[in-house]
Protein backbone atom coordinates (compact mmCIF):
# COMPACT_ATOMS: atom_id res chain seq x y z
CA MET A 1 -0.08 0.06 -0.01
CA PRO A 2 1.47 2.87 -1.24
CA ASP A 3 1.90 5.54 1.70
CA LYS A 4 -0.31 8.84 1.75
CA LEU A 5 -3.20 6.51 -1.05
CA PHE A 6 -5.64 8.21 1.38
CA SER A 7 -4.70 11.73 0.67
CA HIS A 8 -4.88 11.07 -2.89
CA LEU A 9 -7.78 9.28 -3.26
CA ASN A 10 -10.48 10.83 -5.21
CA PRO A 11 -13.47 9.83 -7.52
CA ILE A 12 -12.00 10.06 -10.80
CA LEU A 13 -8.81 7.65 -9.40
CA PHE A 14 -11.78 5.38 -7.81
CA LEU A 15 -13.78 5.18 -10.96
CA GLN A 16 -11.08 4.48 -12.91
CA THR A 17 -9.55 1.46 -11.19
CA PHE A 18 -13.29 0.47 -10.67
CA ILE A 19 -13.77 0.32 -14.42
CA ALA A 20 -10.69 -1.22 -14.97
CA GLN A 21 -11.47 -4.26 -12.47
CA SER A 22 -15.33 -4.47 -14.22
CA VAL A 23 -13.74 -4.55 -17.72
CA GLU A 24 -11.85 -7.74 -16.40
CA VAL A 25 -14.49 -9.38 -14.35
CA SER A 26 -17.06 -8.99 -17.60
CA ALA A 27 -14.46 -10.49 -19.73
CA LYS A 28 -14.19 -13.27 -17.43
CA MET A 29 -18.31 -13.46 -17.22
CA VAL A 30 -19.26 -13.43 -20.39
CA GLY A 31 -22.41 -15.81 -20.52
CA GLY A 32 -22.49 -15.94 -16.61
CA LYS A 33 -25.29 -15.61 -14.21
CA GLY A 34 -26.66 -12.57 -12.75
CA ASN A 35 -25.86 -13.61 -9.22
CA ASP A 36 -22.29 -14.26 -10.41
CA ARG A 37 -21.77 -11.03 -11.42
CA LEU A 38 -23.06 -9.39 -8.39
CA ASN A 39 -20.62 -11.82 -6.51
CA HIS A 40 -18.04 -10.14 -8.28
CA ILE A 41 -19.48 -7.04 -7.78
CA GLU A 42 -19.13 -7.59 -4.24
CA GLN A 43 -15.76 -9.08 -4.27
CA LEU A 44 -14.46 -5.71 -5.99
CA GLY A 45 -15.62 -3.99 -2.61
CA LEU A 46 -14.62 -6.08 -0.28
CA THR A 47 -10.99 -6.00 -1.92
CA ALA A 48 -11.34 -2.38 -2.24
CA SER A 49 -12.43 -2.05 1.60
CA GLY A 50 -9.17 -3.71 2.93
CA CYS A 51 -6.89 -1.15 0.75
CA PHE A 52 -9.51 1.73 1.79
CA GLU A 53 -8.73 1.25 5.62
CA THR A 54 -5.22 0.22 5.50
CA ALA A 55 -4.76 4.04 3.62
CA TYR A 56 -7.03 5.74 6.37
CA ARG A 57 -5.32 3.85 9.20
CA GLN A 58 -1.99 4.85 7.89
CA GLU A 59 -2.98 8.98 7.23
CA LEU A 60 -4.72 9.18 10.80
CA ALA A 61 -1.96 7.18 12.24
CA GLN A 62 -4.35 5.06 13.59
CA ASP A 63 -4.17 1.41 15.10
CA GLY A 64 -6.09 -0.73 17.01
CA PRO A 65 -9.46 -1.98 17.20
CA LEU A 66 -12.66 0.33 16.10
CA ASP A 67 -15.30 1.15 17.89
CA HIS A 68 -18.95 2.08 16.25
CA GLY A 69 -18.09 5.80 16.49
CA LYS A 70 -14.74 5.06 14.93
CA TYR A 71 -15.79 2.91 12.01
CA ALA A 72 -18.76 5.34 11.40
CA ASP A 73 -16.17 8.04 10.75
CA MET A 74 -13.81 6.22 8.45
CA ILE A 75 -16.47 4.53 6.25
CA VAL A 76 -18.17 8.07 5.96
CA ALA A 77 -14.60 9.72 5.47
CA ILE A 78 -13.56 6.85 2.54
CA LYS A 79 -17.19 7.15 0.88
CA ASN A 80 -16.95 10.89 0.80
CA LYS A 81 -13.10 10.74 -0.51
CA ILE A 82 -14.66 8.78 -3.67
CA GLY A 83 -17.61 10.92 -4.65
CA GLY A 84 -20.36 10.29 -2.04
CA ASN A 85 -21.90 12.79 0.29
CA PHE A 86 -22.14 10.78 3.33
CA SER A 87 -23.15 11.57 7.13
CA ARG A 88 -23.94 9.66 10.27
CA ALA A 89 -27.54 9.26 11.02
CA SER A 90 -28.94 8.61 14.40
CA SER A 91 -28.31 4.76 15.66
CA GLU A 92 -28.19 2.14 18.29
CA ALA A 93 -26.47 -0.01 20.03
CA GLY A 94 -24.17 -2.91 17.73
CA MET A 95 -25.69 -0.59 14.85
CA VAL A 96 -24.41 2.15 13.05
CA ARG A 97 -26.21 3.83 10.38
CA VAL A 98 -25.70 6.50 7.61
CA GLY A 99 -27.05 8.27 5.03
CA ASN A 100 -25.83 9.84 1.46
CA THR A 101 -27.48 12.13 -0.81
CA ARG A 102 -24.82 11.69 -3.91
CA CYS A 103 -23.55 8.15 -5.57
CA PRO A 104 -20.09 8.26 -6.77
CA PHE A 105 -21.36 6.38 -9.96
CA GLY A 106 -23.95 9.86 -10.59
CA GLU A 107 -27.10 9.31 -12.31
CA ALA A 108 -25.99 5.98 -14.45
CA VAL A 109 -26.48 4.16 -11.03
CA MET A 110 -30.10 4.13 -11.72
CA GLN A 111 -29.37 1.96 -15.18
CA ALA A 112 -26.93 -0.45 -13.10
CA PRO A 113 -28.51 -0.87 -9.54
CA GLU A 114 -26.72 -3.50 -8.41
CA LEU A 115 -23.84 -1.48 -8.08
CA CYS A 116 -25.03 -0.95 -4.39
CA LYS A 117 -22.89 -3.93 -4.06
CA MET A 118 -20.18 -2.28 -4.10
CA THR A 119 -21.45 0.03 -1.41
CA SER A 120 -22.89 -3.10 1.08
CA SER A 121 -19.37 -4.97 0.76
CA VAL A 122 -16.94 -1.64 0.95
CA PHE A 123 -18.91 -1.13 4.54
CA GLY A 124 -19.84 -4.65 5.59
CA GLY A 125 -15.89 -5.79 4.68
CA ILE A 126 -14.39 -3.28 6.93
CA ALA A 127 -17.06 -4.15 9.87
CA ALA A 128 -16.20 -7.73 9.72
CA ARG A 129 -12.71 -6.93 9.54
CA ASN A 130 -13.05 -5.36 13.20
CA PHE A 131 -16.13 -6.76 14.70
CA GLY A 132 -16.14 -10.16 13.14
CA TYR A 133 -19.51 -10.18 11.98
CA ALA A 134 -21.17 -7.43 9.98
CA LYS A 135 -24.96 -7.31 8.12
CA VAL A 136 -25.34 -4.26 5.69
CA ILE A 137 -29.23 -3.39 5.22
CA LEU A 138 -29.72 -0.84 2.22
CA ASP A 139 -33.06 0.89 3.03
CA LYS A 140 -32.91 3.49 0.79
CA ARG A 141 -31.04 3.87 -2.56
CA ILE A 142 -30.77 6.24 -5.21
CA ALA A 143 -30.12 3.52 -7.91
CA VAL A 144 -33.99 2.79 -7.42
CA GLY A 145 -35.22 6.42 -6.93
CA ASP A 146 -35.22 7.02 -3.18
CA GLY A 147 -33.07 10.09 -3.97
CA MET A 148 -31.07 9.14 -0.90
CA CYS A 149 -29.05 6.20 0.24
CA GLU A 150 -29.68 4.86 3.88
CA ALA A 151 -27.59 1.84 5.00
CA ARG A 152 -27.64 0.03 8.54
CA ILE A 153 -24.73 -1.68 9.39
CA TYR A 154 -25.53 -4.52 12.56
CA THR A 155 -22.23 -5.85 13.75
CA ASP A 156 -24.06 -8.13 16.46
CA PRO A 157 -25.73 -11.30 14.86
CA LYS A 158 -28.74 -11.84 17.29
CA LYS A 159 -30.25 -7.77 16.42
CA ALA A 160 -29.63 -8.73 12.73
CA ALA A 161 -31.41 -11.81 12.39
CA ALA A 162 -34.71 -10.24 11.66
CA PHE A 163 -33.63 -8.25 8.73
CA GLU A 164 -32.55 -9.04 5.32
CA GLY A 165 -29.31 -8.00 4.12
CA ASP A 166 -25.71 -8.76 3.04
CA GLU A 167 -24.13 -10.63 5.39
CA TYR A 168 -20.06 -10.47 5.97
CA HIS A 169 -17.98 -12.82 8.01
CA ARG A 170 -14.06 -13.03 8.92
CA GLU A 171 -12.66 -16.24 9.29
CA GLN A 172 -8.72 -17.81 9.28
CA GLY A 173 -8.38 -13.69 8.89
CA VAL A 174 -10.00 -13.27 5.85
CA ILE A 175 -13.43 -11.53 4.92
CA ARG A 176 -16.32 -13.00 2.98
CA GLY A 177 -19.07 -13.21 1.53
CA ARG A 178 -22.09 -15.40 2.34
CA GLY A 179 -21.42 -16.99 -0.89
CA ALA A 180 -17.61 -17.69 -0.90
CA THR A 181 -15.37 -20.13 0.42
CA VAL A 182 -12.51 -18.84 2.77
CA LYS A 183 -9.83 -20.85 -0.15
CA ALA A 184 -11.61 -18.74 -2.74
CA GLN A 185 -11.75 -15.55 -0.99
CA ILE A 186 -8.03 -15.85 -0.24
CA ILE A 187 -6.92 -15.83 -3.76
CA ARG A 188 -9.31 -13.65 -4.93
CA GLU A 189 -7.78 -10.90 -2.78
CA ARG A 190 -4.56 -12.02 -3.92
CA ARG A 191 -5.38 -11.05 -7.57
CA GLU A 192 -7.24 -7.95 -7.14
CA GLY A 193 -5.73 -6.64 -4.34
CA LYS A 194 -2.84 -5.33 -6.41
CA ALA A 195 -5.11 -2.76 -8.20
CA TRP A 196 -6.79 -1.33 -5.83
CA CYS A 197 -4.14 -0.93 -3.05
CA SER A 198 -1.86 0.83 -5.94
CA VAL A 199 -4.57 3.64 -6.63
CA SER A 200 -2.10 6.24 -6.08
CA PRO A 201 -0.32 7.79 -8.72
CA SER A 202 1.68 9.89 -6.52
CA GLN A 203 5.20 9.79 -5.16
CA PRO A 204 6.01 8.09 -1.87
CA GLU A 205 7.48 10.46 0.50
CA ASP A 206 10.58 8.27 0.55
CA ALA A 207 10.78 8.06 -3.16
CA ASP A 208 14.77 9.22 -4.09
CA LYS A 209 15.07 12.94 -5.02
CA PRO A 210 18.23 14.38 -6.20
CA PHE A 211 19.50 16.56 -3.61
CA VAL A 212 20.17 19.63 -3.52
CA VAL A 213 22.51 21.68 -0.87
CA ALA A 214 20.87 24.81 0.35
CA LYS A 215 22.17 26.87 2.87
CA SER A 216 22.54 30.55 1.23
CA PRO A 217 19.48 32.57 0.81
CA ALA A 218 19.99 32.13 -2.76
CA MET A 219 19.16 28.37 -2.90
CA LEU A 220 16.98 28.21 -0.38
CA ASN A 221 14.78 30.84 -2.50
CA ALA A 222 15.20 28.61 -5.47
CA LEU A 223 14.18 25.30 -3.46
CA GLU A 224 11.25 26.84 -2.28
CA THR A 225 10.16 28.05 -6.03
CA ILE A 226 11.13 24.08 -7.16
CA LYS A 227 8.85 23.47 -4.25
CA VAL A 228 5.79 25.17 -5.43
CA VAL A 229 6.31 24.99 -8.99
CA ALA A 230 7.29 21.17 -9.23
CA PRO A 231 3.47 19.66 -9.13
CA THR A 232 2.25 22.13 -11.50
CA THR A 233 2.77 21.90 -15.42
CA ALA A 234 4.06 25.25 -15.61
CA THR A 235 7.38 25.26 -18.00
CA VAL A 236 10.93 26.28 -16.09
CA LEU A 237 13.99 28.18 -17.34
CA ILE A 238 16.68 27.31 -15.26
CA THR A 239 19.58 29.88 -15.52
CA GLY A 240 23.09 29.96 -14.29
CA GLU A 241 26.82 29.46 -15.24
CA THR A 242 28.07 26.23 -16.87
CA GLY A 243 28.58 23.30 -13.92
CA VAL A 244 25.87 25.40 -10.99
CA GLY A 245 23.73 22.09 -11.05
CA LYS A 246 21.01 23.08 -13.57
CA GLU A 247 20.02 19.50 -14.22
CA VAL A 248 20.59 18.23 -10.74
CA VAL A 249 17.41 21.00 -10.18
CA ALA A 250 15.62 20.00 -13.57
CA ARG A 251 15.54 16.30 -12.41
CA ARG A 252 14.28 17.69 -8.75
CA ILE A 253 11.60 19.12 -10.45
CA HIS A 254 10.75 16.00 -11.90
CA ALA A 255 11.12 13.94 -9.50
CA MET A 256 8.53 16.20 -7.32
CA SER A 257 5.70 16.22 -10.05
CA GLU A 258 3.09 14.03 -10.59
CA ARG A 259 5.15 12.55 -13.76
CA TRP A 260 7.92 11.50 -11.39
CA ASN A 261 7.21 7.85 -12.44
CA ARG A 262 7.64 8.84 -16.23
CA ASN A 263 10.66 9.45 -17.78
CA PHE A 264 13.05 12.08 -17.52
CA VAL A 265 14.84 12.79 -21.12
CA ALA A 266 17.75 15.14 -20.77
CA VAL A 267 19.77 16.53 -23.88
CA ASN A 268 22.47 19.10 -24.43
CA CYS A 269 21.25 21.25 -27.20
CA GLY A 270 24.39 22.64 -27.72
CA ALA A 271 25.98 19.34 -28.73
CA ILE A 272 23.72 18.42 -31.38
CA PRO A 273 25.15 18.59 -34.88
CA GLU A 274 23.09 21.41 -36.39
CA ASN A 275 21.55 19.50 -39.58
CA LEU A 276 20.21 16.69 -36.59
CA VAL A 277 18.64 18.82 -34.43
CA GLU A 278 14.72 18.64 -35.32
CA THR A 279 15.21 14.87 -36.17
CA THR A 280 16.60 14.64 -32.48
CA LEU A 281 13.86 16.43 -30.95
CA PHE A 282 10.85 15.52 -33.24
CA GLY A 283 12.00 12.24 -34.91
CA HIS A 284 11.82 11.31 -38.75
CA GLU A 285 9.66 9.73 -41.04
CA ARG A 286 11.39 6.22 -43.19
CA GLY A 287 12.34 8.17 -46.46
CA ALA A 288 12.15 11.56 -45.07
CA PHE A 289 16.16 11.83 -46.62
CA THR A 290 18.80 10.03 -47.60
CA GLY A 291 19.53 7.14 -44.82
CA ALA A 292 16.13 7.27 -43.23
CA TYR A 293 14.95 3.62 -43.22
CA GLU A 294 13.29 3.30 -40.37
CA VAL A 295 11.43 5.54 -38.37
CA HIS A 296 12.83 7.12 -35.46
CA HIS A 297 11.41 8.07 -32.19
CA GLY A 298 12.11 11.87 -31.33
CA LEU A 299 13.00 12.89 -27.72
CA PHE A 300 9.28 14.44 -27.34
CA GLU A 301 8.10 10.64 -28.03
CA ARG A 302 10.44 9.47 -25.41
CA ALA A 303 9.51 11.75 -22.93
CA GLU A 304 5.89 11.20 -23.55
CA GLY A 305 4.19 11.54 -20.04
CA GLY A 306 6.78 12.40 -18.79
CA SER A 307 9.53 15.60 -18.65
CA LEU A 308 11.75 16.62 -21.47
CA PHE A 309 15.14 18.52 -20.01
CA LEU A 310 16.84 21.11 -23.16
CA ASP A 311 20.20 21.78 -21.51
CA GLU A 312 21.88 24.84 -23.35
CA ILE A 313 18.62 25.71 -25.22
CA ASP A 314 20.24 29.03 -26.57
CA SER A 315 22.29 26.75 -28.49
CA LEU A 316 19.16 25.76 -30.78
CA PRO A 317 19.41 27.52 -34.18
CA LEU A 318 16.48 29.69 -35.16
CA ALA A 319 14.61 26.86 -37.10
CA ALA A 320 13.81 24.41 -34.39
CA GLN A 321 13.31 27.19 -31.93
CA ALA A 322 10.03 27.91 -34.29
CA ARG A 323 9.20 23.85 -34.23
CA LEU A 324 9.93 23.81 -30.46
CA LEU A 325 7.73 27.15 -30.02
CA ARG A 326 4.46 25.47 -32.00
CA VAL A 327 4.79 22.27 -29.98
CA LEU A 328 4.89 23.99 -26.78
CA GLN A 329 1.83 26.19 -27.83
CA GLY A 330 -0.06 23.54 -29.55
CA GLY A 331 0.78 20.23 -27.51
CA GLU A 332 1.40 18.70 -31.05
CA PHE A 333 4.21 17.88 -33.73
CA GLU A 334 5.15 16.23 -36.70
CA ARG A 335 8.29 14.20 -37.26
CA VAL A 336 10.56 15.30 -40.39
CA GLY A 337 8.79 14.21 -43.30
CA GLY A 338 5.82 13.12 -41.65
CA LYS A 339 2.50 14.06 -42.36
CA GLN A 340 0.65 12.91 -39.09
CA ARG A 341 0.20 15.24 -36.01
CA LEU A 342 1.02 14.17 -33.27
CA SER A 343 0.40 14.98 -29.58
CA ALA A 344 2.77 15.75 -27.23
CA ASP A 345 1.97 15.49 -23.20
CA VAL A 346 5.22 16.56 -22.10
CA ARG A 347 6.78 18.97 -19.67
CA VAL A 348 9.37 20.85 -21.01
CA ILE A 349 11.97 22.27 -18.65
CA ALA A 350 14.86 24.43 -20.18
CA ALA A 351 17.98 25.48 -18.90
CA ALA A 352 20.43 28.53 -20.36
CA GLY A 353 23.93 29.20 -19.25
CA MET A 354 24.27 32.68 -21.55
CA ARG A 355 22.06 35.72 -21.29
CA LEU A 356 19.07 35.26 -23.38
CA ASP A 357 18.44 38.87 -23.20
CA LYS A 358 21.22 39.18 -24.83
CA LEU A 359 20.81 36.63 -27.90
CA ILE A 360 17.36 38.49 -28.55
CA ALA A 361 18.59 41.77 -28.89
CA GLU A 362 21.39 40.30 -31.26
CA GLY A 363 18.52 38.28 -32.92
CA GLU A 364 19.73 34.63 -32.15
CA PHE A 365 16.94 33.70 -29.60
CA ARG A 366 13.15 34.28 -30.75
CA MET A 367 11.34 36.96 -28.20
CA ASP A 368 7.82 34.53 -28.25
CA LEU A 369 9.93 31.57 -27.36
CA TYR A 370 11.67 32.81 -24.48
CA TYR A 371 8.31 34.09 -23.15
CA ARG A 372 6.90 30.82 -23.82
CA ILE A 373 9.72 28.97 -21.82
CA ASN A 374 10.55 31.74 -19.31
CA VAL A 375 6.84 31.09 -17.25
CA VAL A 376 9.24 30.23 -14.17
CA PRO A 377 12.48 31.00 -13.66
CA ILE A 378 14.73 29.75 -11.42
CA LEU A 379 18.36 31.55 -10.85
CA LEU A 380 21.21 29.42 -9.92
CA PRO A 381 23.97 31.70 -8.65
CA PRO A 382 27.80 30.70 -9.11
CA LEU A 383 29.40 28.87 -6.15
CA ARG A 384 31.74 31.85 -5.44
CA GLU A 385 28.33 33.84 -4.71
CA ARG A 386 26.84 31.31 -2.53
CA CYS A 387 29.80 30.67 0.13
CA GLU A 388 27.32 29.45 2.78
CA ASP A 389 27.04 26.22 0.52
CA ILE A 390 30.70 25.24 -0.10
CA LEU A 391 31.30 23.40 3.03
CA PRO A 392 28.10 21.66 3.21
CA LEU A 393 28.66 20.71 -0.75
CA VAL A 394 32.25 19.00 0.44
CA ASP A 395 30.71 17.16 3.38
CA HIS A 396 28.33 15.50 0.96
CA ILE A 397 30.09 14.94 -1.94
CA ILE A 398 32.67 13.40 0.64
CA ALA A 399 30.06 11.08 1.86
CA GLN A 400 29.04 9.79 -1.44
CA LEU A 401 32.72 9.60 -2.56
CA SER A 402 33.21 7.36 0.75
CA ALA A 403 30.36 4.84 -0.27
CA LYS A 404 31.75 4.87 -3.92
CA TYR A 405 35.21 4.03 -2.92
CA ASN A 406 34.57 2.01 0.38
CA LYS A 407 37.16 4.54 2.00
CA ILE A 408 36.45 6.47 5.13
CA ILE A 409 37.46 10.18 4.89
CA ILE A 410 35.68 12.22 7.76
CA ALA A 411 36.41 15.85 6.92
CA LEU A 412 39.40 18.21 5.56
CA SER A 413 42.06 19.79 7.49
CA GLU A 414 41.77 23.40 8.43
CA THR A 415 44.45 24.22 5.62
CA ALA A 416 42.24 21.95 3.13
CA ILE A 417 39.14 24.16 4.32
CA ALA A 418 40.76 27.30 4.20
CA ARG A 419 41.74 26.48 0.08
CA VAL A 420 38.61 25.51 -0.51
CA MET A 421 37.36 28.86 0.89
CA GLN A 422 39.80 30.80 -0.82
CA TYR A 423 39.20 29.52 -4.20
CA ASP A 424 36.68 31.10 -6.65
CA TRP A 425 35.61 27.56 -8.48
CA PRO A 426 35.17 29.21 -11.96
CA GLY A 427 33.59 25.70 -12.76
CA ASN A 428 31.61 25.49 -10.00
CA VAL A 429 30.15 22.72 -8.20
CA ARG A 430 31.25 20.14 -10.98
CA GLU A 431 34.80 22.12 -10.50
CA LEU A 432 34.37 21.04 -6.85
CA GLU A 433 33.25 17.20 -6.94
CA ASN A 434 36.34 16.73 -9.61
CA VAL A 435 38.74 18.24 -7.13
CA LEU A 436 37.80 16.50 -4.12
CA GLU A 437 37.82 12.99 -6.11
CA ARG A 438 41.17 13.70 -7.12
CA SER A 439 42.26 14.45 -3.71
CA PHE A 440 39.84 12.06 -2.13
CA LEU A 441 42.08 9.14 -3.81
CA PHE A 442 45.61 10.36 -2.93
CA SER A 443 44.62 11.20 0.41
CA ALA A 444 46.47 8.66 2.74
CA GLY A 445 44.20 9.14 6.10
CA PRO A 446 40.69 10.00 7.58
CA ILE A 447 41.71 13.32 7.52
CA MET A 448 41.89 14.92 3.65
CA SER A 449 44.64 17.52 4.34
CA GLU A 450 45.74 18.23 0.78
CA LEU A 451 43.61 20.02 -1.67
CA LEU A 452 44.50 19.28 -5.03
CA LEU A 453 43.86 22.35 -7.07
CA PRO A 454 44.29 22.72 -10.71
CA GLN A 455 47.66 25.08 -11.65
CA THR A 456 46.89 27.67 -13.73
CA SER A 457 48.68 30.25 -15.50
CA GLY A 458 47.37 33.21 -13.07
CA ALA A 459 48.30 30.96 -9.58
CA THR A 460 51.33 33.05 -8.94
CA PRO A 461 51.85 36.88 -7.93
CA ALA A 462 53.61 39.25 -9.63
CA SER A 463 57.33 39.32 -9.99
CA ASP A 464 57.23 42.00 -6.97
CA GLY A 465 55.36 40.15 -4.59
CA ARG A 466 52.33 42.60 -4.52
CA PRO A 467 48.89 41.59 -5.25
CA ILE A 468 47.84 44.89 -6.53
CA ASP A 469 43.90 45.39 -7.52
CA LEU A 470 43.01 41.95 -6.68
CA PRO A 471 40.35 40.84 -4.28
CA LEU A 472 41.29 40.22 -0.94
CA LYS A 473 40.09 36.32 -1.42
CA GLU A 474 42.35 35.94 -4.85
CA ALA A 475 45.09 37.64 -3.00
CA LYS A 476 45.12 34.96 -0.31
CA ARG A 477 45.14 32.29 -2.54
CA ARG A 478 48.22 33.61 -4.66
CA ALA A 479 49.82 34.24 -1.53
CA ALA A 480 49.37 31.07 -0.16
CA GLU A 481 50.29 29.39 -3.08
CA GLN A 482 53.48 31.37 -3.51
CA VAL A 483 54.73 30.42 0.36
CA GLU A 484 54.10 26.76 -0.60
CA THR A 485 56.17 26.85 -3.22
CA LEU A 486 58.95 28.54 -1.41
CA ILE A 487 58.65 25.76 1.30
CA LEU A 488 58.76 22.92 -1.50
CA LYS A 489 61.73 24.72 -2.90
CA GLU A 490 63.89 24.76 0.60
CA ALA A 491 62.91 21.13 1.38
CA LEU A 492 64.21 20.09 -1.80
CA THR A 493 67.53 21.77 -1.96
CA ARG A 494 67.70 20.72 2.00
CA PHE A 495 67.21 17.27 1.40
CA HIS A 496 68.65 17.35 -2.03
CA GLY A 497 65.20 16.14 -4.38
CA ASN A 498 64.25 13.18 -1.73
CA VAL A 499 61.06 13.49 -1.90
CA SER A 500 60.17 10.67 0.81
CA LYS A 501 62.67 13.31 3.19
CA VAL A 502 60.65 15.89 2.15
CA ALA A 503 57.45 14.36 3.06
CA LYS A 504 58.56 13.10 6.22
CA SER A 505 59.65 16.52 7.23
CA LEU A 506 56.63 18.32 5.86
CA GLY A 507 54.32 15.57 7.64
CA LEU A 508 52.95 14.55 3.96
CA THR A 509 52.87 11.28 2.56
CA PRO A 510 55.12 10.82 -0.76
CA ARG A 511 52.50 10.78 -3.05
CA ALA A 512 50.97 14.06 -1.56
CA ILE A 513 54.58 15.54 -2.12
CA HIS A 514 54.29 14.19 -5.93
CA GLN A 515 51.35 15.98 -6.57
CA LYS A 516 52.25 19.21 -5.44
CA LEU A 517 55.40 19.23 -7.14
CA TYR A 518 53.56 18.21 -10.89
CA LEU A 519 50.61 21.32 -9.76
CA HIS A 520 53.51 23.51 -9.12
CA SER A 521 55.85 22.40 -12.37
CA MET A 522 59.01 21.51 -9.90
CA ASP A 523 60.63 18.81 -10.75
CA PRO A 524 62.94 17.05 -7.79
CA ASN A 525 65.50 15.52 -10.07
CA SER A 526 66.94 19.21 -10.89
CA TYR A 527 67.68 19.48 -7.15
CA ARG A 528 69.50 16.05 -7.26
CA SER A 529 71.57 17.25 -10.36
CA GLN A 530 72.68 19.96 -8.13
CA ALA A 531 73.64 18.03 -5.02
CA ARG A 532 75.88 15.99 -7.59
CA LEU A 533 77.62 19.06 -9.05
CA LYS A 534 78.31 20.10 -5.71
CA VAL A 535 80.10 17.12 -4.41
CA ALA A 536 81.65 16.11 -7.95
CA PRO A 537 84.95 18.28 -6.71
CA LEU A 538 86.04 16.13 -3.76
CA ASP A 539 85.23 12.99 -5.63
CA LYS A 540 87.72 14.07 -8.36
CA GLY A 541 90.14 15.20 -5.24
CA SER A 542 89.85 11.81 -3.94
């Protein structure tokens, strides 16, 4: 039974499941007798009653046996969820009475009054499950023109003996009507229970959703926007620099939507050759062009019922932009070379790294398409502008790496933390992930003391040593690298290029020293050759 089923139960879902089950029963009952059909409708109600009760109890965290008052509240709540208008009426000891002014089946129930058997078995199944016995008497029925329904449910066999009605018993933990054996009932419940107990199409609370680290105000605001927009069908435009996590956000929107159990299809529009953009998105018919030997299903067809993530949408050529706009406006498209219009039940989530307003001004991006995809904008700031997220991201990534490589690293050293916070991360979260993975692999202990940042052309200060016109963070980073270079040079000179001795003196591993030498473009062999040149005259004199 999925969590929160009762919250999402509604008349449409109930009727869809009832119709599907009824069609299956009808196929098996062609030529059958009227009593057989009534028995099958009763069975639908009994099986559904167990699933509805479980869902109701989960939703209200209700355990233990029911008394008559709680039982009445339960059946009223269930029936009203599936389209009734029930309320409690005056009752007496050993009996519950409820009334109703609206049938879930609408006026159609008057053409098929046997459907009332469904109500009887739902009420009787729940009562028998909790009290051991139930008899349901339908005193008034909308189906026969009474204008309302009125039902009495007896749980005391002695009090019920004087009335005609539908009886239900609990035997060996199974609820059955008068005509079914326990064995037959068990078989039916196993066969039919799955359909009723999976009525809800909504995502379980514990379903996997891509994790988004958010401590900074900007990212907290983005998460709040995701929470609001995800359950809707609105088109979303995510903007931000490369590596900020646009696809992660798109996947989270999909995972939190009602489409969560359908396809999420992602494509980088900038990676599609220009002459293949339209066939990639919309597919092509056989013979549409040279080499089109078979029908090709495009991304819109593959994402049917789900979500299509168009990354770098600003890379689409203008012709493809026009076709995409028509799909978004009309919900239909044609394959390349095709004449048949196909529907597109697809939610589009777009992403762009560049400023689209600049491309619009230059005539490289359609303004009407921009307004169509920019229904809900989500801006993801670069990592350097949300420093509050950096260390939580580090902890999250290290935990993932520990699981991936089966190697435990608890945290970063103070020195490594300082370098993480001083670096500008031009590649954003993607670069942070790569640097941490590289550093993780070469870390010897449970504390990652070295952060293997890339060596860049601007990594060292100017020759005069004065970091003029630099931001404080950049100045600190360059000064730290300069100090590290000087320390390595001094240690290599003192130990004549012996990396093992250098590592021991600095409290690091030889592997870490080799990585640092590589980052600073330093060759330990040059220090060994200098040492040999210094001792050469002594060797010659001996």
